[in-house]
PDB file of N, CA and C in Angstrom:
ATOM      1  N   MET A   1       0.854  -1.173   0.000  1.00  0.00           N
ATOM      2  CA  MET A   1       0.000   0.000   0.000  1.00  0.00           C
ATOM      3  C   MET A   1       0.901   1.237   0.000  1.00  0.00           C
ATOM      4  N   ASN A   2       0.971   1.918  -1.122  1.00  0.00           N
ATOM      5  CA  ASN A   2       1.843   3.078  -1.259  1.00  0.00           C
ATOM      6  C   ASN A   2       1.067   4.360  -1.483  1.00  0.00           C
ATOM      7  N   GLU A   3      -0.098   4.469  -0.904  1.00  0.00           N
ATOM      8  CA  GLU A   3      -0.890   5.683  -1.074  1.00  0.00           C
ATOM      9  C   GLU A   3      -0.206   6.850  -0.381  1.00  0.00           C
ATOM     10  N   ARG A   4      -0.269   7.997  -1.031  1.00  0.00           N
ATOM     11  CA  ARG A   4       0.260   9.230  -0.470  1.00  0.00           C
ATOM     12  C   ARG A   4      -0.806  10.315  -0.627  1.00  0.00           C
ATOM     13  N   PRO A   5      -0.880  11.252   0.307  1.00  0.00           N
ATOM     14  CA  PRO A   5      -1.864  12.332   0.186  1.00  0.00           C
ATOM     15  C   PRO A   5      -1.444  13.336  -0.888  1.00  0.00           C
ATOM     16  N   THR A   6      -2.439  13.930  -1.523  1.00  0.00           N
ATOM     17  CA  THR A   6      -2.155  14.974  -2.514  1.00  0.00           C
ATOM     18  C   THR A   6      -1.998  16.310  -1.795  1.00  0.00           C
ATOM     19  N   GLN A   7      -1.327  17.239  -2.441  1.00  0.00           N
ATOM     20  CA  GLN A   7      -1.167  18.582  -1.868  1.00  0.00           C
ATOM     21  C   GLN A   7      -2.526  19.278  -1.740  1.00  0.00           C
ATOM     22  N   ASP A   8      -3.438  19.036  -2.688  1.00  0.00           N
ATOM     23  CA  ASP A   8      -4.784  19.625  -2.605  1.00  0.00           C
ATOM     24  C   ASP A   8      -5.514  19.137  -1.360  1.00  0.00           C
ATOM     25  N   PHE A   9      -5.412  17.835  -1.079  1.00  0.00           N
ATOM     26  CA  PHE A   9      -6.051  17.273   0.117  1.00  0.00           C
ATOM     27  C   PHE A   9      -5.458  17.894   1.370  1.00  0.00           C
ATOM     28  N   LEU A  10      -4.138  17.952   1.464  1.00  0.00           N
ATOM     29  CA  LEU A  10      -3.484  18.512   2.648  1.00  0.00           C
ATOM     30  C   LEU A  10      -3.850  19.978   2.858  1.00  0.00           C
ATOM     31  N   ALA A  11      -3.953  20.732   1.766  1.00  0.00           N
ATOM     32  CA  ALA A  11      -4.305  22.148   1.855  1.00  0.00           C
ATOM     33  C   ALA A  11      -5.754  22.355   2.297  1.00  0.00           C
ATOM     34  N   SER A  12      -6.606  21.354   2.076  1.00  0.00           N
ATOM     35  CA  SER A  12      -8.027  21.496   2.400  1.00  0.00           C
ATOM     36  C   SER A  12      -8.373  21.080   3.824  1.00  0.00           C
ATOM     37  N   LEU A  13      -7.443  20.498   4.552  1.00  0.00           N
ATOM     38  CA  LEU A  13      -7.744  20.001   5.903  1.00  0.00           C
ATOM     39  C   LEU A  13      -8.069  21.135   6.861  1.00  0.00           C
ATOM     40  N   ILE A  14      -9.073  20.883   7.717  1.00  0.00           N
ATOM     41  CA  ILE A  14      -9.468  21.856   8.731  1.00  0.00           C
ATOM     42  C   ILE A  14      -9.578  21.145  10.086  1.00  0.00           C
ATOM     43  N   VAL A  15      -9.489  21.911  11.149  1.00  0.00           N
ATOM     44  CA  VAL A  15      -9.628  21.360  12.492  1.00  0.00           C
ATOM     45  C   VAL A  15     -11.011  20.724  12.636  1.00  0.00           C
ATOM     46  N   GLY A  16     -11.051  19.523  13.192  1.00  0.00           N
ATOM     47  CA  GLY A  16     -12.306  18.798  13.387  1.00  0.00           C
ATOM     48  C   GLY A  16     -12.614  17.807  12.289  1.00  0.00           C
ATOM     49  N   GLN A  17     -11.897  17.875  11.178  1.00  0.00           N
ATOM     50  CA  GLN A  17     -12.149  16.987  10.047  1.00  0.00           C
ATOM     51  C   GLN A  17     -11.664  15.572  10.367  1.00  0.00           C
ATOM     52  N   THR A  18     -12.431  14.572   9.937  1.00  0.00           N
ATOM     53  CA  THR A  18     -12.049  13.177  10.112  1.00  0.00           C
ATOM     54  C   THR A  18     -11.234  12.735   8.913  1.00  0.00           C
ATOM     55  N   VAL A  19     -10.139  12.039   9.187  1.00  0.00           N
ATOM     56  CA  VAL A  19      -9.233  11.572   8.141  1.00  0.00           C
ATOM     57  C   VAL A  19      -8.910  10.098   8.373  1.00  0.00           C
ATOM     58  N   ARG A  20      -8.336   9.493   7.379  1.00  0.00           N
ATOM     59  CA  ARG A  20      -7.869   8.113   7.473  1.00  0.00           C
ATOM     60  C   ARG A  20      -6.365   8.159   7.733  1.00  0.00           C
ATOM     61  N   VAL A  21      -5.897   7.345   8.677  1.00  0.00           N
ATOM     62  CA  VAL A  21      -4.476   7.259   9.005  1.00  0.00           C
ATOM     63  C   VAL A  21      -4.022   5.854   8.641  1.00  0.00           C
ATOM     64  N   THR A  22      -3.051   5.771   7.731  1.00  0.00           N
ATOM     65  CA  THR A  22      -2.544   4.448   7.357  1.00  0.00           C
ATOM     66  C   THR A  22      -1.565   3.977   8.419  1.00  0.00           C
ATOM     67  N   ARG A  23      -1.599   2.682   8.680  1.00  0.00           N
ATOM     68  CA  ARG A  23      -0.645   2.063   9.601  1.00  0.00           C
ATOM     69  C   ARG A  23      -0.290   0.695   9.039  1.00  0.00           C
ATOM     70  N   HIS A  24       0.831   0.153   9.463  1.00  0.00           N
ATOM     71  CA  HIS A  24       1.234  -1.146   8.933  1.00  0.00           C
ATOM     72  C   HIS A  24       0.266  -2.255   9.333  1.00  0.00           C
ATOM     73  N   THR A  25      -0.534  -2.035  10.374  1.00  0.00           N
ATOM     74  CA  THR A  25      -1.513  -3.028  10.808  1.00  0.00           C
ATOM     75  C   THR A  25      -2.896  -2.778  10.213  1.00  0.00           C
ATOM     76  N   GLY A  26      -3.042  -1.707   9.429  1.00  0.00           N
ATOM     77  CA  GLY A  26      -4.325  -1.382   8.820  1.00  0.00           C
ATOM     78  C   GLY A  26      -4.673   0.077   9.055  1.00  0.00           C
ATOM     79  N   ASP A  27      -5.659   0.552   8.347  1.00  0.00           N
ATOM     80  CA  ASP A  27      -6.062   1.950   8.440  1.00  0.00           C
ATOM     81  C   ASP A  27      -6.993   2.180   9.629  1.00  0.00           C
ATOM     82  N   VAL A  28      -6.880   3.357  10.225  1.00  0.00           N
ATOM     83  CA  VAL A  28      -7.766   3.786  11.306  1.00  0.00           C
ATOM     84  C   VAL A  28      -8.231   5.201  10.987  1.00  0.00           C
ATOM     85  N   THR A  29      -9.280   5.645  11.666  1.00  0.00           N
ATOM     86  CA  THR A  29      -9.729   7.020  11.471  1.00  0.00           C
ATOM     87  C   THR A  29      -9.202   7.884  12.602  1.00  0.00           C
ATOM     88  N   GLY A  30      -8.956   9.127  12.273  1.00  0.00           N
ATOM     89  CA  GLY A  30      -8.488  10.101  13.250  1.00  0.00           C
ATOM     90  C   GLY A  30      -9.169  11.429  12.982  1.00  0.00           C
ATOM     91  N   ARG A  31      -8.973  12.375  13.890  1.00  0.00           N
ATOM     92  CA  ARG A  31      -9.583  13.694  13.746  1.00  0.00           C
ATOM     93  C   ARG A  31      -8.495  14.743  13.866  1.00  0.00           C
ATOM     94  N   ILE A  32      -8.534  15.725  12.971  1.00  0.00           N
ATOM     95  CA  ILE A  32      -7.566  16.819  13.029  1.00  0.00           C
ATOM     96  C   ILE A  32      -7.873  17.645  14.279  1.00  0.00           C
ATOM     97  N   ALA A  33      -6.942  17.634  15.248  1.00  0.00           N
ATOM     98  CA  ALA A  33      -7.148  18.351  16.505  1.00  0.00           C
ATOM     99  C   ALA A  33      -6.584  19.762  16.447  1.00  0.00           C
ATOM    100  N   ASP A  34      -5.520  19.953  15.667  1.00  0.00           N
ATOM    101  CA  ASP A  34      -4.898  21.272  15.579  1.00  0.00           C
ATOM    102  C   ASP A  34      -4.043  21.313  14.313  1.00  0.00           C
ATOM    103  N   ILE A  35      -3.829  22.510  13.816  1.00  0.00           N
ATOM    104  CA  ILE A  35      -2.971  22.706  12.652  1.00  0.00           C
ATOM    105  C   ILE A  35      -1.938  23.753  13.018  1.00  0.00           C
ATOM    106  N   LYS A  36      -0.692  23.346  12.985  1.00  0.00           N
ATOM    107  CA  LYS A  36       0.441  24.223  13.290  1.00  0.00           C
ATOM    108  C   LYS A  36       1.118  24.616  11.979  1.00  0.00           C
ATOM    109  N   PRO A  37       2.041  25.569  12.002  1.00  0.00           N
ATOM    110  CA  PRO A  37       2.711  25.970  10.759  1.00  0.00           C
ATOM    111  C   PRO A  37       3.389  24.813  10.011  1.00  0.00           C
ATOM    112  N   ARG A  38       3.950  23.843  10.735  1.00  0.00           N
ATOM    113  CA  ARG A  38       4.637  22.732  10.075  1.00  0.00           C
ATOM    114  C   ARG A  38       4.000  21.376  10.316  1.00  0.00           C
ATOM    115  N   LEU A  39       2.974  21.299  11.200  1.00  0.00           N
ATOM    116  CA  LEU A  39       2.421  20.009  11.595  1.00  0.00           C
ATOM    117  C   LEU A  39       0.904  19.980  11.611  1.00  0.00           C
ATOM    118  N   PHE A  40       0.356  18.792  11.372  1.00  0.00           N
ATOM    119  CA  PHE A  40      -1.041  18.486  11.680  1.00  0.00           C
ATOM    120  C   PHE A  40      -1.006  17.666  12.961  1.00  0.00           C
ATOM    121  N   ILE A  41      -1.833  18.012  13.937  1.00  0.00           N
ATOM    122  CA  ILE A  41      -1.962  17.243  15.168  1.00  0.00           C
ATOM    123  C   ILE A  41      -3.253  16.443  15.023  1.00  0.00           C
ATOM    124  N   VAL A  42      -3.141  15.119  15.104  1.00  0.00           N
ATOM    125  CA  VAL A  42      -4.276  14.237  14.837  1.00  0.00           C
ATOM    126  C   VAL A  42      -4.536  13.353  16.052  1.00  0.00           C
ATOM    127  N   ARG A  43      -5.805  13.289  16.472  1.00  0.00           N
ATOM    128  CA  ARG A  43      -6.208  12.388  17.556  1.00  0.00           C
ATOM    129  C   ARG A  43      -6.678  11.081  16.948  1.00  0.00           C
ATOM    130  N   VAL A  44      -6.045  10.007  17.364  1.00  0.00           N
ATOM    131  CA  VAL A  44      -6.439   8.658  16.948  1.00  0.00           C
ATOM    132  C   VAL A  44      -6.785   7.922  18.236  1.00  0.00           C
ATOM    133  N   GLY A  45      -8.076   7.836  18.538  1.00  0.00           N
ATOM    134  CA  GLY A  45      -8.490   7.294  19.823  1.00  0.00           C
ATOM    135  C   GLY A  45      -7.978   8.192  20.935  1.00  0.00           C
ATOM    136  N   ARG A  46      -7.249   7.629  21.881  1.00  0.00           N
ATOM    137  CA  ARG A  46      -6.678   8.422  22.980  1.00  0.00           C
ATOM    138  C   ARG A  46      -5.275   8.920  22.653  1.00  0.00           C
ATOM    139  N   GLU A  47      -4.761   8.502  21.536  1.00  0.00           N
ATOM    140  CA  GLU A  47      -3.397   8.845  21.130  1.00  0.00           C
ATOM    141  C   GLU A  47      -3.377  10.127  20.301  1.00  0.00           C
ATOM    142  N   THR A  48      -2.340  10.925  20.457  1.00  0.00           N
ATOM    143  CA  THR A  48      -2.137  12.115  19.634  1.00  0.00           C
ATOM    144  C   THR A  48      -0.941  11.868  18.739  1.00  0.00           C
ATOM    145  N   ARG A  49      -1.130  12.033  17.435  1.00  0.00           N
ATOM    146  CA  ARG A  49      -0.062  11.804  16.470  1.00  0.00           C
ATOM    147  C   ARG A  49       0.239  13.098  15.737  1.00  0.00           C
ATOM    148  N   ARG A  50       1.486  13.269  15.296  1.00  0.00           N
ATOM    149  CA  ARG A  50       1.907  14.458  14.555  1.00  0.00           C
ATOM    150  C   ARG A  50       2.273  14.053  13.129  1.00  0.00           C
ATOM    151  N   PHE A  51       1.800  14.854  12.173  1.00  0.00           N
ATOM    152  CA  PHE A  51       2.069  14.619  10.759  1.00  0.00           C
ATOM    153  C   PHE A  51       2.590  15.897  10.128  1.00  0.00           C
ATOM    154  N   LEU A  52       3.535  15.770   9.234  1.00  0.00           N
ATOM    155  CA  LEU A  52       4.115  16.926   8.557  1.00  0.00           C
ATOM    156  C   LEU A  52       3.130  17.536   7.576  1.00  0.00           C
ATOM    157  N   ARG A  53       2.999  18.852   7.577  1.00  0.00           N
ATOM    158  CA  ARG A  53       2.133  19.527   6.599  1.00  0.00           C
ATOM    159  C   ARG A  53       2.727  19.439   5.204  1.00  0.00           C
ATOM    160  N   GLU A  54       4.043  19.318   5.137  1.00  0.00           N
ATOM    161  CA  GLU A  54       4.750  19.273   3.857  1.00  0.00           C
ATOM    162  C   GLU A  54       4.296  18.106   2.975  1.00  0.00           C
ATOM    163  N   ASP A  55       4.202  16.885   3.564  1.00  0.00           N
ATOM    164  CA  ASP A  55       3.851  15.717   2.751  1.00  0.00           C
ATOM    165  C   ASP A  55       2.763  14.835   3.357  1.00  0.00           C
ATOM    166  N   GLY A  56       2.290  15.150   4.571  1.00  0.00           N
ATOM    167  CA  GLY A  56       1.234  14.356   5.200  1.00  0.00           C
ATOM    168  C   GLY A  56       1.733  13.086   5.855  1.00  0.00           C
ATOM    169  N   GLY A  57       3.056  12.938   5.957  1.00  0.00           N
ATOM    170  CA  GLY A  57       3.636  11.750   6.580  1.00  0.00           C
ATOM    171  C   GLY A  57       3.880  11.950   8.058  1.00  0.00           C
ATOM    172  N   ALA A  58       3.971  10.834   8.779  1.00  0.00           N
ATOM    173  CA  ALA A  58       4.184  10.882  10.223  1.00  0.00           C
ATOM    174  C   ALA A  58       5.481  11.608  10.562  1.00  0.00           C
ATOM    175  N   PHE A  59       5.412  12.422  11.588  1.00  0.00           N
ATOM    176  CA  PHE A  59       6.569  13.176  12.065  1.00  0.00           C
ATOM    177  C   PHE A  59       7.523  12.225  12.782  1.00  0.00           C
ATOM    178  N   ASN A  60       8.811  12.321  12.488  1.00  0.00           N
ATOM    179  CA  ASN A  60       9.851  11.500  13.115  1.00  0.00           C
ATOM    180  C   ASN A  60       9.650   9.998  12.931  1.00  0.00           C
ATOM    181  N   ALA A  61       9.128   9.575  11.805  1.00  0.00           N
ATOM    182  CA  ALA A  61       8.996   8.145  11.537  1.00  0.00           C
ATOM    183  C   ALA A  61      10.392   7.547  11.370  1.00  0.00           C
ATOM    184  N   PRO A  62      10.672   6.419  12.023  1.00  0.00           N
ATOM    185  CA  PRO A  62      12.011   5.851  11.962  1.00  0.00           C
ATOM    186  C   PRO A  62      12.376   5.281  10.590  1.00  0.00           C
ATOM    187  N   ASP A  63      11.381   4.832   9.848  1.00  0.00           N
ATOM    188  CA  ASP A  63      11.643   4.182   8.567  1.00  0.00           C
ATOM    189  C   ASP A  63      10.545   4.557   7.580  1.00  0.00           C
ATOM    190  N   LYS A  64      10.931   5.023   6.395  1.00  0.00           N
ATOM    191  CA  LYS A  64       9.926   5.452   5.413  1.00  0.00           C
ATOM    192  C   LYS A  64       8.966   4.330   5.029  1.00  0.00           C
ATOM    193  N   SER A  65       9.403   3.078   5.062  1.00  0.00           N
ATOM    194  CA  SER A  65       8.530   1.978   4.659  1.00  0.00           C
ATOM    195  C   SER A  65       7.409   1.733   5.666  1.00  0.00           C
ATOM    196  N   THR A  66       7.589   2.155   6.910  1.00  0.00           N
ATOM    197  CA  THR A  66       6.541   1.976   7.915  1.00  0.00           C
ATOM    198  C   THR A  66       5.877   3.294   8.295  1.00  0.00           C
ATOM    199  N   LYS A  67       6.163   4.343   7.543  1.00  0.00           N
ATOM    200  CA  LYS A  67       5.628   5.671   7.834  1.00  0.00           C
ATOM    201  C   LYS A  67       4.107   5.691   7.661  1.00  0.00           C
ATOM    202  N   SER A  68       3.416   6.307   8.612  1.00  0.00           N
ATOM    203  CA  SER A  68       1.969   6.494   8.515  1.00  0.00           C
ATOM    204  C   SER A  68       1.682   7.736   7.679  1.00  0.00           C
ATOM    205  N   TRP A  69       0.513   7.751   7.028  1.00  0.00           N
ATOM    206  CA  TRP A  69       0.128   8.875   6.169  1.00  0.00           C
ATOM    207  C   TRP A  69      -1.294   9.295   6.468  1.00  0.00           C
ATOM    208  N   LEU A  70      -1.585  10.585   6.261  1.00  0.00           N
ATOM    209  CA  LEU A  70      -2.946  11.107   6.330  1.00  0.00           C
ATOM    210  C   LEU A  70      -3.590  10.972   4.958  1.00  0.00           C
ATOM    211  N   LEU A  71      -4.767  10.401   4.913  1.00  0.00           N
ATOM    212  CA  LEU A  71      -5.476  10.227   3.647  1.00  0.00           C
ATOM    213  C   LEU A  71      -6.950  10.572   3.843  1.00  0.00           C
ATOM    214  N   PRO A  72      -7.635  10.912   2.751  1.00  0.00           N
ATOM    215  CA  PRO A  72      -9.075  11.196   2.877  1.00  0.00           C
ATOM    216  C   PRO A  72      -9.854   9.933   3.182  1.00  0.00           C
ATOM    217  N   LEU A  73     -10.982  10.105   3.846  1.00  0.00           N
ATOM    218  CA  LEU A  73     -11.891   8.976   4.066  1.00  0.00           C
ATOM    219  C   LEU A  73     -12.460   8.576   2.725  1.00  0.00           C
ATOM    220  N   GLU A  74     -12.592   7.301   2.519  1.00  0.00           N
ATOM    221  CA  GLU A  74     -13.185   6.821   1.266  1.00  0.00           C
ATOM    222  C   GLU A  74     -14.442   6.045   1.602  1.00  0.00           C
ATOM    223  N   VAL A  75     -15.430   6.221   0.777  1.00  0.00           N
ATOM    224  CA  VAL A  75     -16.664   5.473   0.963  1.00  0.00           C
ATOM    225  C   VAL A  75     -16.410   4.066   0.435  1.00  0.00           C
ATOM    226  N   THR A  76     -16.573   3.074   1.314  1.00  0.00           N
ATOM    227  CA  THR A  76     -16.388   1.690   0.893  1.00  0.00           C
ATOM    228  C   THR A  76     -17.739   1.098   0.534  1.00  0.00           C
ATOM    229  N   HIS A  77     -17.708   0.086  -0.286  1.00  0.00           N
ATOM    230  CA  HIS A  77     -18.976  -0.537  -0.690  1.00  0.00           C
ATOM    231  C   HIS A  77     -19.558  -1.286   0.498  1.00  0.00           C
ATOM    232  N   ALA A  78     -20.864  -1.147   0.697  1.00  0.00           N
ATOM    233  CA  ALA A  78     -21.519  -1.746   1.856  1.00  0.00           C
ATOM    234  C   ALA A  78     -22.012  -3.133   1.568  1.00  0.00           C
TER     235      ALA A  78
END
């Protein structure tokens, strides 16, 4: 799974918006809690995660292959 967020998507994010967060164990939903000059602060359950505004990738990820990304919610077939 090599999905990456588009610059248009990242530019459109607002506080309170629900987003999809990719993880190596599967995708989860999170909510944009705050937007800083260089970071998106995202609440995923009780956890707070930081993502770079530049590319939507997890802040300080140790390895690019396991990096989490912010993505739009997609409507799945029911």
